[in-house]
Amino acid sequence: MEITDVKVIPVDDEKLKAFVSIVFDQCFVVTDIKIIYGPKGLFVSMPSKKRKDGTFKDIAHPLNNQMRQYLEEKVLSVYKQQVTQGHTTGPAPASGSGADKAETPQT
């Protein structure tokens, strides 16, 4: 499975940095992914829904660490490329083959 498109919409917030949608194999989209800035740096938060008890449960997520790492690297790479280029709104095209290493800033 390949991520064929990544769209990033930056948000001007202290913790929430962007909303993301990704397309797999040009035929399946996952929306409402978030890029969050936490205590250990940037991370990808998968779409979730709030339960009656107030907790959240992911409604779409990778089933193994290899896919999670691929997804995070691809999403954070596009986000960082877009931020570096000074874009503040709108989607960014997917970049590379997913082999780009996403570096997490340290706090």
Protein backbone atom coordinates (compact mmCIF):
# COMPACT_ATOMS: atom_id res chain seq x y z
CA MET A 1 0.00 0.00 0.00
CA GLU A 2 1.36 3.39 -0.97
CA ILE A 3 0.42 6.89 0.14
CA THR A 4 -0.16 8.66 -3.17
CA ASP A 5 -1.26 12.09 -1.92
CA VAL A 6 -0.96 14.15 1.26
CA LYS A 7 -2.88 17.38 1.79
CA VAL A 8 -1.87 19.56 4.73
CA ILE A 9 -3.87 22.50 6.04
CA PRO A 10 -1.78 24.36 8.65
CA VAL A 11 -3.48 25.73 11.76
CA ASP A 12 -2.18 28.63 13.84
CA ASP A 13 -2.46 27.05 17.28
CA GLU A 14 -0.03 26.30 20.09
CA LYS A 15 -0.52 22.51 19.99
CA LEU A 16 -2.61 21.70 16.90
CA LYS A 17 -0.36 22.43 13.92
CA ALA A 18 -2.33 21.07 10.94
CA PHE A 19 -5.19 18.98 9.61
CA VAL A 20 -4.19 16.33 7.09
CA SER A 21 -5.86 14.03 4.59
CA ILE A 22 -4.02 11.18 2.90
CA VAL A 23 -4.85 9.07 -0.15
CA PHE A 24 -3.80 5.44 -0.45
CA ASP A 25 -3.17 3.93 -3.90
CA GLN A 26 -5.10 6.79 -5.53
CA CYS A 27 -8.36 5.19 -4.39
CA PHE A 28 -8.91 5.49 -0.60
CA VAL A 29 -8.83 8.66 1.51
CA VAL A 30 -8.45 9.14 5.27
CA THR A 31 -9.31 12.61 6.58
CA ASP A 32 -9.25 14.35 9.96
CA ILE A 33 -5.68 13.35 10.73
CA LYS A 34 -3.99 15.94 12.95
CA ILE A 35 -0.40 17.03 13.46
CA ILE A 36 0.07 17.86 17.13
CA TYR A 37 3.01 19.47 18.92
CA GLY A 38 3.47 17.62 22.21
CA PRO A 39 6.14 17.37 24.92
CA LYS A 40 8.38 15.23 22.68
CA GLY A 41 7.81 17.23 19.48
CA LEU A 42 5.54 16.72 16.49
CA PHE A 43 3.37 13.62 16.17
CA VAL A 44 0.53 12.40 13.98
CA SER A 45 -2.87 11.84 15.60
CA MET A 46 -5.25 9.57 13.71
CA PRO A 47 -8.96 10.39 13.31
CA SER A 48 -10.97 9.49 16.39
CA LYS A 49 -14.39 9.79 17.95
CA LYS A 50 -15.32 10.69 21.49
CA ARG A 51 -16.98 7.95 23.54
CA LYS A 52 -19.75 8.48 26.10
CA ASP A 53 -17.20 8.12 28.92
CA GLY A 54 -15.15 11.05 27.54
CA THR A 55 -12.29 8.96 26.13
CA PHE A 56 -11.33 8.92 22.45
CA LYS A 57 -11.05 5.89 20.16
CA ASP A 58 -9.24 5.90 16.80
CA ILE A 59 -11.59 5.18 13.90
CA ALA A 60 -8.77 4.60 11.40
CA HIS A 61 -5.19 3.66 12.26
CA PRO A 62 -2.19 1.60 11.08
CA LEU A 63 -2.19 -2.02 12.22
CA ASN A 64 1.58 -2.35 12.61
CA ASN A 65 4.62 -0.25 13.47
CA GLN A 66 6.04 -0.38 9.93
CA MET A 67 2.91 1.23 8.45
CA ARG A 68 2.68 3.74 11.33
CA GLN A 69 6.29 4.82 10.74
CA TYR A 70 5.75 5.11 6.97
CA LEU A 71 2.60 7.19 7.46
CA GLU A 72 4.18 9.48 10.08
CA GLU A 73 7.32 10.05 8.00
CA LYS A 74 5.32 10.86 4.87
CA VAL A 75 2.87 13.20 6.64
CA LEU A 76 5.51 15.05 8.69
CA SER A 77 7.79 15.35 5.66
CA VAL A 78 5.07 17.10 3.63
CA TYR A 79 4.13 19.29 6.62
CA LYS A 80 7.74 20.37 7.22
CA GLN A 81 8.29 21.02 3.52
CA GLN A 82 5.18 23.20 3.41
CA VAL A 83 6.11 25.11 6.59
CA THR A 84 9.67 25.63 5.32
CA GLN A 85 8.34 27.06 2.06
CA GLY A 86 6.30 29.56 4.08
CA HIS A 87 2.85 28.36 3.03
CA THR A 88 0.15 29.11 5.54
CA THR A 89 -2.94 27.68 3.84
CA GLY A 90 -3.93 25.13 1.24
CA PRO A 91 -2.87 21.60 0.37
CA ALA A 92 0.64 20.45 -0.41
CA PRO A 93 1.39 17.65 -2.86
CA ALA A 94 2.84 14.39 -1.59
CA SER A 95 6.61 14.34 -1.76
CA GLY A 96 9.02 11.54 -2.56
CA SER A 97 8.48 7.84 -2.09
CA GLY A 98 7.99 7.97 1.65
CA ALA A 99 11.67 7.24 2.27
CA ASP A 100 12.25 10.75 3.61
CA LYS A 101 13.13 10.70 7.29
CA ALA A 102 10.95 12.98 9.38
CA GLU A 103 12.87 14.52 12.24
CA THR A 104 11.05 15.35 15.42
CA PRO A 105 12.10 18.64 17.04
CA GLN A 106 13.19 18.35 20.65
CA THR A 107 11.79 20.57 23.38
